[in-house]
N, C-alpha and C. Protein backbone atom coordinates (compact mmCIF):
# COMPACT_ATOMS: atom_id res chain seq x y z
N UNK A 1 19.76 6.40 -19.53
CA UNK A 1 18.53 6.06 -18.71
C UNK A 1 17.99 7.45 -18.18
N UNK A 2 16.82 7.53 -18.20
CA UNK A 2 16.19 8.88 -17.75
C UNK A 2 15.73 8.75 -16.27
N UNK A 3 15.58 9.86 -15.63
CA UNK A 3 15.33 9.82 -14.17
C UNK A 3 13.81 9.43 -14.02
N UNK A 4 13.58 8.96 -12.82
CA UNK A 4 12.21 8.50 -12.55
C UNK A 4 11.29 9.66 -12.65
N UNK A 5 10.02 9.65 -13.09
CA UNK A 5 9.16 10.79 -13.22
C UNK A 5 8.57 11.28 -12.12
N UNK A 6 8.84 10.69 -10.82
CA UNK A 6 8.14 11.14 -9.60
C UNK A 6 9.16 11.31 -8.54
N UNK A 7 8.81 11.86 -7.48
CA UNK A 7 9.59 12.06 -6.26
C UNK A 7 8.88 11.45 -5.12
N UNK A 8 9.45 10.77 -4.27
CA UNK A 8 8.97 10.18 -3.17
C UNK A 8 9.22 10.85 -1.93
N UNK A 9 8.19 11.19 -1.14
CA UNK A 9 8.36 11.97 0.15
C UNK A 9 7.45 11.74 1.10
N UNK A 10 7.64 12.11 2.41
CA UNK A 10 6.65 11.89 3.44
C UNK A 10 5.42 12.83 3.22
N UNK A 11 4.29 12.38 3.48
CA UNK A 11 3.11 13.24 3.36
C UNK A 11 2.87 14.13 4.47
N UNK A 12 2.31 15.28 4.24
CA UNK A 12 1.85 16.12 5.17
C UNK A 12 0.33 16.31 5.22
N UNK A 13 -0.22 16.95 6.12
CA UNK A 13 -1.62 16.96 6.34
C UNK A 13 -2.31 17.61 5.11
N UNK A 14 -1.64 18.42 4.45
CA UNK A 14 -2.23 19.04 3.21
C UNK A 14 -2.39 18.07 2.07
N UNK A 15 -1.77 16.93 2.15
CA UNK A 15 -1.87 15.81 1.14
C UNK A 15 -3.11 14.92 1.30
N UNK A 16 -3.78 14.95 2.33
CA UNK A 16 -4.80 14.03 2.78
C UNK A 16 -5.88 14.07 1.62
N UNK A 17 -6.45 15.11 1.16
CA UNK A 17 -7.52 14.93 0.26
C UNK A 17 -6.95 14.28 -1.14
N UNK A 18 -5.74 14.70 -1.62
CA UNK A 18 -5.20 14.06 -2.80
C UNK A 18 -4.99 12.56 -2.65
N UNK A 19 -4.46 12.10 -1.47
CA UNK A 19 -4.30 10.67 -1.09
C UNK A 19 -5.61 10.04 -1.23
N UNK A 20 -6.59 10.54 -0.60
CA UNK A 20 -7.99 10.01 -0.69
C UNK A 20 -8.47 9.84 -2.14
N UNK A 21 -8.17 10.74 -2.94
CA UNK A 21 -8.60 10.77 -4.42
C UNK A 21 -7.70 9.65 -5.04
N UNK A 22 -6.58 9.52 -4.82
CA UNK A 22 -5.68 8.51 -5.48
C UNK A 22 -6.22 7.08 -5.05
N UNK A 23 -6.53 6.87 -3.72
CA UNK A 23 -6.98 5.58 -3.28
C UNK A 23 -8.33 5.29 -4.07
N UNK A 24 -9.34 6.33 -4.08
CA UNK A 24 -10.50 6.08 -4.71
C UNK A 24 -10.33 5.56 -6.19
N UNK A 25 -9.36 6.28 -6.92
CA UNK A 25 -9.08 5.97 -8.37
C UNK A 25 -8.50 4.60 -8.41
N UNK A 26 -7.57 4.20 -7.48
CA UNK A 26 -6.85 2.95 -7.51
C UNK A 26 -7.78 1.71 -7.21
N UNK A 27 -8.74 1.89 -6.32
CA UNK A 27 -9.51 0.81 -5.82
C UNK A 27 -10.91 0.76 -6.43
N UNK A 28 -11.50 1.76 -7.07
CA UNK A 28 -12.90 1.76 -7.36
C UNK A 28 -13.24 0.64 -8.37
N UNK A 29 -12.35 0.21 -9.25
CA UNK A 29 -12.69 -0.84 -10.06
C UNK A 29 -12.90 -2.16 -9.33
N UNK A 30 -12.71 -2.31 -8.18
CA UNK A 30 -12.81 -3.49 -7.41
C UNK A 30 -14.29 -3.62 -6.88
N UNK A 31 -14.99 -2.49 -6.87
CA UNK A 31 -16.32 -2.56 -6.27
C UNK A 31 -17.26 -3.59 -6.90
N UNK A 32 -17.29 -3.67 -8.24
CA UNK A 32 -18.24 -4.77 -8.83
C UNK A 32 -17.91 -6.15 -8.38
N UNK A 33 -16.37 -6.34 -8.39
CA UNK A 33 -16.06 -7.70 -8.12
C UNK A 33 -16.26 -8.01 -6.66
N UNK A 34 -16.15 -7.07 -5.67
CA UNK A 34 -16.19 -7.29 -4.38
C UNK A 34 -17.59 -7.27 -3.75
N UNK A 35 -18.39 -6.35 -4.44
CA UNK A 35 -19.75 -6.15 -4.07
C UNK A 35 -19.78 -5.16 -2.83
N UNK A 36 -18.53 -4.53 -2.52
CA UNK A 36 -18.57 -3.60 -1.45
C UNK A 36 -17.50 -2.64 -1.72
N UNK A 37 -17.32 -1.52 -0.93
CA UNK A 37 -16.36 -0.64 -1.16
C UNK A 37 -15.03 -0.94 -0.46
N UNK A 38 -14.01 -1.12 -1.16
CA UNK A 38 -12.64 -1.35 -0.58
C UNK A 38 -12.31 -0.43 0.59
N UNK A 39 -11.80 -0.90 1.55
CA UNK A 39 -11.51 -0.09 2.83
C UNK A 39 -10.52 1.10 2.50
N UNK A 40 -9.45 0.91 1.66
CA UNK A 40 -8.62 2.11 1.45
C UNK A 40 -9.53 3.37 0.67
N UNK A 41 -10.60 3.10 0.15
CA UNK A 41 -11.39 4.18 -0.36
C UNK A 41 -12.09 5.04 0.66
N UNK A 42 -12.22 4.47 1.87
CA UNK A 42 -12.91 5.26 2.90
C UNK A 42 -12.06 5.66 3.96
N UNK A 43 -10.77 5.35 3.99
CA UNK A 43 -9.91 5.69 5.12
C UNK A 43 -9.70 7.06 5.37
N UNK A 44 -9.53 7.46 6.56
CA UNK A 44 -9.34 8.85 6.91
C UNK A 44 -7.80 9.15 6.73
N UNK A 45 -7.35 9.63 5.72
CA UNK A 45 -5.95 9.83 5.51
C UNK A 45 -5.32 10.94 6.28
N UNK A 46 -6.12 11.81 6.74
CA UNK A 46 -5.62 12.89 7.75
C UNK A 46 -5.13 12.18 9.00
N UNK A 47 -5.99 11.33 9.44
CA UNK A 47 -5.56 10.53 10.69
C UNK A 47 -4.43 9.65 10.40
N UNK A 48 -4.38 8.99 9.26
CA UNK A 48 -3.28 8.20 8.98
C UNK A 48 -1.97 9.03 8.89
N UNK A 49 -1.99 10.23 8.35
CA UNK A 49 -0.80 11.15 8.34
C UNK A 49 -0.47 11.50 9.75
N UNK A 50 -1.32 11.68 10.68
CA UNK A 50 -1.08 12.00 12.06
C UNK A 50 -0.54 10.84 12.88
N UNK A 51 -1.01 9.62 12.65
CA UNK A 51 -0.80 8.48 13.50
C UNK A 51 0.20 7.49 12.80
N UNK A 52 0.43 7.39 11.56
CA UNK A 52 1.17 6.41 10.87
C UNK A 52 2.29 7.02 10.12
N UNK A 53 2.90 6.21 9.21
CA UNK A 53 3.95 6.80 8.33
C UNK A 53 3.37 6.71 6.82
N UNK A 54 3.07 7.95 6.35
CA UNK A 54 2.55 8.05 5.03
C UNK A 54 3.42 8.77 4.08
N UNK A 55 3.62 8.08 2.93
CA UNK A 55 4.49 8.57 1.86
C UNK A 55 3.68 8.66 0.62
N UNK A 56 4.16 9.65 -0.19
CA UNK A 56 3.49 9.84 -1.61
C UNK A 56 4.67 9.85 -2.66
N UNK A 57 4.11 9.47 -3.90
CA UNK A 57 4.81 9.65 -4.95
C UNK A 57 4.22 10.94 -5.74
N UNK A 58 5.02 11.90 -6.05
CA UNK A 58 4.43 13.10 -6.67
C UNK A 58 5.01 13.25 -7.98
N UNK A 59 4.25 13.66 -8.89
CA UNK A 59 4.78 14.00 -10.42
C UNK A 59 4.04 15.24 -10.80
N UNK A 60 4.97 16.21 -11.11
CA UNK A 60 4.40 17.51 -11.52
C UNK A 60 3.36 18.02 -10.58
N UNK A 61 3.44 18.03 -9.29
CA UNK A 61 2.62 18.67 -8.32
C UNK A 61 1.40 17.81 -8.10
N UNK A 62 1.43 16.60 -8.56
CA UNK A 62 0.12 15.75 -8.54
C UNK A 62 0.71 14.45 -7.80
N UNK A 63 -0.14 14.03 -6.77
CA UNK A 63 0.17 12.90 -6.01
C UNK A 63 -0.40 11.67 -7.08
N UNK A 64 0.51 10.77 -7.47
CA UNK A 64 0.06 9.72 -8.30
C UNK A 64 0.09 8.27 -7.58
N UNK A 65 0.76 8.37 -6.37
CA UNK A 65 0.69 7.05 -5.71
C UNK A 65 0.83 7.31 -4.10
N UNK A 66 0.36 6.55 -3.33
CA UNK A 66 0.42 6.69 -1.80
C UNK A 66 0.70 5.43 -1.21
N UNK A 67 1.39 5.56 -0.03
CA UNK A 67 1.85 4.36 0.83
C UNK A 67 1.57 4.69 2.25
N UNK A 68 0.77 3.92 2.98
CA UNK A 68 0.62 3.97 4.40
C UNK A 68 1.35 2.91 5.07
N UNK A 69 2.20 3.10 6.06
CA UNK A 69 2.94 2.08 6.72
C UNK A 69 2.55 2.28 8.25
N UNK A 70 2.53 1.20 9.01
CA UNK A 70 2.33 1.38 10.34
C UNK A 70 3.00 0.13 11.17
N UNK A 71 3.06 0.28 12.35
CA UNK A 71 3.75 -0.78 13.29
C UNK A 71 2.70 -1.33 14.22
N UNK A 72 2.32 -2.65 14.11
CA UNK A 72 1.18 -3.24 14.83
C UNK A 72 1.88 -4.30 15.69
N UNK A 73 1.05 -5.03 16.46
CA UNK A 73 1.61 -6.19 17.19
C UNK A 73 2.04 -7.30 16.36
N UNK A 74 1.71 -7.23 15.01
CA UNK A 74 2.33 -8.36 14.18
C UNK A 74 3.49 -7.92 13.46
N UNK A 75 3.86 -6.62 13.64
CA UNK A 75 5.14 -6.23 12.86
C UNK A 75 4.91 -5.00 12.10
N UNK A 76 5.58 -4.87 11.10
CA UNK A 76 5.70 -3.70 10.28
C UNK A 76 4.68 -3.94 8.98
N UNK A 77 3.62 -3.08 8.98
CA UNK A 77 2.55 -3.23 8.13
C UNK A 77 2.58 -2.33 6.90
N UNK A 78 2.41 -2.81 5.79
CA UNK A 78 2.00 -1.96 4.55
C UNK A 78 0.41 -1.91 4.55
N UNK A 79 -0.01 -0.85 5.13
CA UNK A 79 -1.60 -0.76 5.32
C UNK A 79 -2.32 -0.39 3.95
N UNK A 80 -1.77 0.52 3.33
CA UNK A 80 -2.27 0.99 1.90
C UNK A 80 -1.21 1.17 0.96
N UNK A 81 -1.37 0.56 -0.18
CA UNK A 81 -0.58 1.12 -1.31
C UNK A 81 -1.52 1.33 -2.46
N UNK A 82 -1.60 2.58 -2.95
CA UNK A 82 -2.53 2.87 -3.93
C UNK A 82 -1.79 3.70 -5.08
N UNK A 83 -2.05 3.20 -6.27
CA UNK A 83 -1.41 3.86 -7.52
C UNK A 83 -2.49 4.24 -8.43
N UNK A 84 -2.50 5.36 -8.79
CA UNK A 84 -3.60 5.85 -9.93
C UNK A 84 -3.43 5.01 -11.03
N UNK A 85 -4.57 4.56 -11.76
CA UNK A 85 -4.53 3.74 -12.90
C UNK A 85 -3.58 4.14 -14.05
N UNK A 86 -3.46 5.48 -14.22
CA UNK A 86 -2.72 5.95 -15.32
C UNK A 86 -1.18 5.66 -15.08
N UNK A 87 -0.73 5.48 -13.71
CA UNK A 87 0.56 5.26 -13.35
C UNK A 87 0.97 3.74 -13.16
N UNK A 88 0.02 3.03 -13.16
CA UNK A 88 0.13 1.56 -12.90
C UNK A 88 1.13 1.00 -14.00
N UNK A 89 1.93 0.06 -13.59
CA UNK A 89 2.87 -0.32 -14.67
C UNK A 89 4.15 0.49 -14.90
N UNK A 90 4.25 1.59 -14.22
CA UNK A 90 5.41 2.52 -14.40
C UNK A 90 6.40 2.26 -13.56
N UNK A 91 6.30 1.42 -12.49
CA UNK A 91 7.34 1.29 -11.52
C UNK A 91 7.26 1.88 -10.17
N UNK A 92 6.17 2.91 -10.07
CA UNK A 92 6.08 3.62 -9.00
C UNK A 92 5.58 2.80 -7.75
N UNK A 93 4.71 1.87 -8.03
CA UNK A 93 4.24 0.90 -6.86
C UNK A 93 5.28 0.13 -6.43
N UNK A 94 6.19 -0.34 -7.32
CA UNK A 94 7.38 -1.20 -6.97
C UNK A 94 8.33 -0.33 -5.98
N UNK A 95 8.49 0.94 -6.43
CA UNK A 95 9.32 1.85 -5.71
C UNK A 95 8.78 2.10 -4.40
N UNK A 96 7.41 2.26 -4.20
CA UNK A 96 6.84 2.39 -2.87
C UNK A 96 7.09 1.09 -2.04
N UNK A 97 6.98 -0.01 -2.50
CA UNK A 97 7.04 -1.34 -1.86
C UNK A 97 8.62 -1.43 -1.34
N UNK A 98 9.51 -0.96 -2.30
CA UNK A 98 11.02 -1.03 -1.94
C UNK A 98 11.21 -0.14 -0.80
N UNK A 99 10.57 1.15 -0.81
CA UNK A 99 10.70 2.14 0.33
C UNK A 99 10.12 1.52 1.60
N UNK A 100 9.02 0.85 1.54
CA UNK A 100 8.47 0.15 2.66
C UNK A 100 9.35 -0.82 3.37
N UNK A 101 9.99 -1.73 2.38
CA UNK A 101 10.97 -2.56 2.87
C UNK A 101 12.12 -1.97 3.58
N UNK A 102 12.62 -0.83 2.99
CA UNK A 102 13.87 -0.09 3.48
C UNK A 102 13.59 0.48 4.82
N UNK A 103 12.24 1.07 4.98
CA UNK A 103 11.75 1.61 6.25
C UNK A 103 11.66 0.63 7.22
N UNK A 104 11.07 -0.63 6.97
CA UNK A 104 11.06 -1.64 7.98
C UNK A 104 12.40 -2.17 8.49
N UNK A 105 13.41 -2.28 7.65
CA UNK A 105 14.73 -2.57 8.10
C UNK A 105 15.23 -1.52 8.84
N UNK A 106 15.22 -0.16 8.37
CA UNK A 106 15.69 0.93 9.23
C UNK A 106 15.25 1.02 10.58
N UNK A 107 13.92 0.61 10.78
CA UNK A 107 13.23 0.73 11.94
C UNK A 107 13.31 -0.55 12.87
N UNK A 108 14.20 -1.49 12.32
CA UNK A 108 14.53 -2.65 13.14
C UNK A 108 13.75 -3.90 12.88
N UNK A 109 12.91 -3.93 11.81
CA UNK A 109 12.04 -5.06 11.67
C UNK A 109 12.71 -6.05 10.60
N UNK A 110 12.49 -7.38 10.75
CA UNK A 110 13.32 -8.27 9.87
C UNK A 110 12.30 -8.78 8.80
N UNK A 111 11.00 -8.17 8.82
CA UNK A 111 9.92 -8.63 7.75
C UNK A 111 8.95 -7.53 7.69
N UNK A 112 8.22 -7.63 6.63
CA UNK A 112 7.10 -6.69 6.39
C UNK A 112 5.89 -7.40 5.93
N UNK A 113 4.68 -7.01 6.39
CA UNK A 113 3.47 -7.78 6.10
C UNK A 113 2.37 -6.81 5.58
N UNK A 114 1.50 -7.46 4.83
CA UNK A 114 0.24 -6.70 4.33
C UNK A 114 -0.88 -7.67 4.23
N UNK A 115 -2.10 -7.06 3.84
CA UNK A 115 -3.18 -7.98 3.58
C UNK A 115 -3.94 -7.33 2.46
N UNK A 116 -4.61 -8.19 1.79
CA UNK A 116 -5.45 -7.89 0.70
C UNK A 116 -6.71 -8.61 0.62
N UNK A 117 -7.71 -8.22 -0.18
CA UNK A 117 -8.88 -9.02 -0.26
C UNK A 117 -8.58 -10.31 -1.07
N UNK A 118 -9.17 -11.46 -0.73
CA UNK A 118 -8.90 -12.68 -1.40
C UNK A 118 -9.29 -12.57 -2.91
N UNK A 119 -10.32 -11.61 -3.24
CA UNK A 119 -10.80 -11.45 -4.46
C UNK A 119 -9.95 -10.59 -5.48
N UNK A 120 -9.00 -9.85 -4.80
CA UNK A 120 -7.97 -8.99 -5.50
C UNK A 120 -6.88 -9.93 -6.03
N UNK A 121 -7.25 -10.84 -6.86
CA UNK A 121 -6.24 -12.03 -7.16
C UNK A 121 -5.03 -11.40 -7.92
N UNK A 122 -4.98 -10.23 -8.75
CA UNK A 122 -3.83 -9.70 -9.28
C UNK A 122 -2.88 -9.26 -8.24
N UNK A 123 -3.42 -8.68 -7.30
CA UNK A 123 -2.49 -8.03 -6.14
C UNK A 123 -1.68 -9.19 -5.47
N UNK A 124 -2.55 -10.27 -5.17
CA UNK A 124 -1.97 -11.32 -4.60
C UNK A 124 -0.83 -12.05 -5.43
N UNK A 125 -1.09 -12.20 -6.76
CA UNK A 125 -0.16 -12.66 -7.56
C UNK A 125 1.17 -11.73 -7.65
N UNK A 126 1.03 -10.52 -7.73
CA UNK A 126 2.13 -9.57 -7.67
C UNK A 126 3.04 -9.71 -6.41
N UNK A 127 2.31 -9.74 -5.31
CA UNK A 127 2.99 -9.86 -4.02
C UNK A 127 3.74 -11.19 -3.91
N UNK A 128 3.15 -12.14 -4.44
CA UNK A 128 3.83 -13.47 -4.32
C UNK A 128 5.05 -13.49 -5.27
N UNK A 129 4.96 -12.93 -6.49
CA UNK A 129 6.06 -12.90 -7.47
C UNK A 129 7.15 -12.20 -6.77
N UNK A 130 7.02 -11.18 -5.81
CA UNK A 130 8.18 -10.43 -5.29
C UNK A 130 8.57 -10.80 -3.85
N UNK A 131 8.12 -12.07 -3.62
CA UNK A 131 8.60 -12.79 -2.29
C UNK A 131 7.65 -12.64 -1.08
N UNK A 132 6.52 -12.30 -1.18
CA UNK A 132 5.48 -12.36 -0.18
C UNK A 132 4.86 -13.68 -0.06
N UNK A 133 4.66 -14.25 1.15
CA UNK A 133 4.08 -15.57 1.38
C UNK A 133 2.74 -15.41 2.18
N UNK A 134 1.83 -16.07 1.75
CA UNK A 134 0.58 -16.04 2.60
C UNK A 134 0.81 -16.85 3.76
N UNK A 135 0.34 -16.32 4.98
CA UNK A 135 0.49 -16.95 6.19
C UNK A 135 -0.93 -17.10 6.98
N UNK A 136 -2.01 -16.30 6.65
CA UNK A 136 -3.18 -16.58 7.27
C UNK A 136 -4.30 -15.85 6.43
N UNK A 137 -5.61 -16.31 6.76
CA UNK A 137 -6.72 -15.68 6.22
C UNK A 137 -7.69 -15.41 7.38
N UNK A 138 -8.34 -14.28 7.29
CA UNK A 138 -9.49 -13.93 8.17
C UNK A 138 -10.68 -13.57 7.45
N UNK A 139 -11.79 -14.27 7.75
CA UNK A 139 -13.19 -13.96 7.06
C UNK A 139 -13.89 -13.07 8.14
N UNK A 140 -14.44 -11.95 7.55
CA UNK A 140 -15.33 -11.22 8.43
C UNK A 140 -16.18 -10.28 7.55
N UNK A 141 -17.37 -9.94 7.89
CA UNK A 141 -18.21 -8.95 7.42
C UNK A 141 -18.08 -8.93 5.70
N UNK A 142 -18.49 -9.96 5.23
CA UNK A 142 -18.50 -10.09 3.72
C UNK A 142 -17.17 -9.98 3.01
N UNK A 143 -16.05 -10.12 3.75
CA UNK A 143 -14.89 -10.04 3.03
C UNK A 143 -13.83 -11.02 3.68
N UNK A 144 -12.88 -11.56 2.93
CA UNK A 144 -11.90 -12.48 3.50
C UNK A 144 -10.57 -11.65 3.09
N UNK A 145 -9.79 -11.49 4.36
CA UNK A 145 -8.42 -10.86 4.08
C UNK A 145 -7.34 -11.97 3.98
N UNK A 146 -6.52 -11.87 3.02
CA UNK A 146 -5.42 -12.63 2.87
C UNK A 146 -4.29 -11.87 3.35
N UNK A 147 -3.41 -12.46 4.32
CA UNK A 147 -2.24 -11.81 4.95
C UNK A 147 -0.97 -12.44 4.32
N UNK A 148 -0.12 -11.55 3.86
CA UNK A 148 1.19 -12.06 3.30
C UNK A 148 2.31 -11.44 4.00
N UNK A 149 3.41 -12.10 4.12
CA UNK A 149 4.56 -11.52 4.76
C UNK A 149 5.82 -11.70 3.84
N UNK A 150 6.74 -10.89 3.79
CA UNK A 150 8.08 -10.96 3.16
C UNK A 150 9.11 -10.77 4.23
N UNK A 151 9.95 -11.89 4.28
CA UNK A 151 11.12 -11.92 5.10
C UNK A 151 12.17 -11.03 4.60
N UNK A 152 12.71 -10.04 5.30
CA UNK A 152 13.74 -9.12 4.65
C UNK A 152 15.19 -9.56 5.01
N UNK A 153 15.29 -10.23 6.12
CA UNK A 153 16.48 -10.67 6.57
C UNK A 153 16.31 -11.98 7.50
N UNK A 154 17.38 -12.67 7.63
CA UNK A 154 17.36 -13.95 8.48
C UNK A 154 17.29 -13.53 9.88
N UNK A 155 16.42 -14.24 10.64
CA UNK A 155 16.09 -14.03 12.00
C UNK A 155 17.41 -14.50 12.89
């Protein structure tokens, strides 16, 4: 078995432009379906690095995926997970989700949650396959967010 072709590490401020590019590549194909720009494409990743927990997957000096984690009133949030299209299906997204779960537990949380647009049906199906359960929907400004939570340990 060969080693994984990427390394996971915390992002630093110099990574912000590459994380932004990664998010644009990962989400731009949704623009025609949604009729608007997905929020991860316009996020200020410099601010995210300063104020949240940002991780990247790096392969040969290039950021191929990114993960933004945060703690909110609702708990431990996977705010953004973005994988460049060429790396989708390689396991890097799953590795980042596992890292998010590990960090949630390490930081004392018994679950992790995320939200996605209701029209991003393939994302919702993936999350449900790996144990996330929908618990609410919020409609606002031409989009409906679907919130999903994964229980990591018994309460």
